[in-house]
Amino acid sequence: MATTDRQATTLALAHALSAAERGLAVIPLSRTKLPALRSPHRDDPDPAPCHGECGRFGHGVYDASTDPVRIRELFAAAPWATGYGIACGLPPHHLIGIDLDTKSGTDSSAALRELALRHLFTIPPTVVVLTPSGGRHLWLTGPPEVVVPNSAGRLAPGIDIRGAGGYLVGPGSRTDHGVYSTAPGTAHIVPARCPRALLRLLLPPPRTHHPAPPSADGHGQGLVQFVLAAHEGQRNTRLFWAACRAYEDGIGPALVDPLVEAALNTGLTEREARATIASAARMTGHRP
């Protein structure tokens, strides 16, 4: 490995450890911004869902940790890492990343300002990370009971969202395109709380309310099947989305147990499933 790569790895580890001291769970990244450690199950003919239960590294954001010993072990296993990723959606910050891109040819900052004017919210002072391409990452925190999904361009062209199961490239990371850095004056700011109006925009859009029993048109069964079809990294997001739709359509209470059972089949625990469904009930204005 070249000296510059060794220096980049050493710096990335130092930045990652510093982030972990602030309660941010981290993983090593390669110069391509992808997790530096490949999945240990990549050659399995029919791999079962695994989020690190096997005890090996290589599970992406599921490897993320704030434990300095584990972080050093992760970087030791990936000596080619030149950056680090910060997992979103995890306690204590429940980080939400607003990625304002410049590569799409649109003015994503102007698009965000327009959304703020239209929906009456203001982005408070918060951590801002500058990307090598001229973009910006805004760090916000969400409520612990709300699962914000990842999305690309759904909020507006050029605006991507990093939520549960996603990660942000940490400041100090070196990639093929340059170095990520914290905007002046924001390095030591605590990530600000996401405005409620913006948070509503980040969640799956509500449907028109049409009360009906679950058996009337099979809609309830469709939501259950939607949860059962969840792949790794989608389970909480799909369950939250389905539960929101169920409550908006007036079948939430009747569908709680079938949704929990479906979530258990995807690998979630009953406690996780019921907490996610309760969050959906509160978000849609219903009593869990």
Foldseek 3Di string as FASTA:
>chain_A
DDPVQLVLLVLQLVLQLVVLVVVWWKAFAALARFGQAADPCPPPPDDDDDLCPVVDDHNGCSQTDSDSVSRVVRCVVRVRGRFMWTAACDPDFNKKKKKQAPVVVDRSVVLVVVVCVVLVHDQDQAKWKADLRGIIIAIAGEDNLDWQDWDAQPLHHRITMHGHLGIDTDASGHHPRGGMHIDPPHPPGHHYHDDPSVSQSRAPDEDAAAADECVPPVLLVVLLVQLLPDDPRCNLNSLLVSLLRCVSNNHNVVNLVSSLVSSVNSPDDSVSSNSSSCSSQVVNPHHD
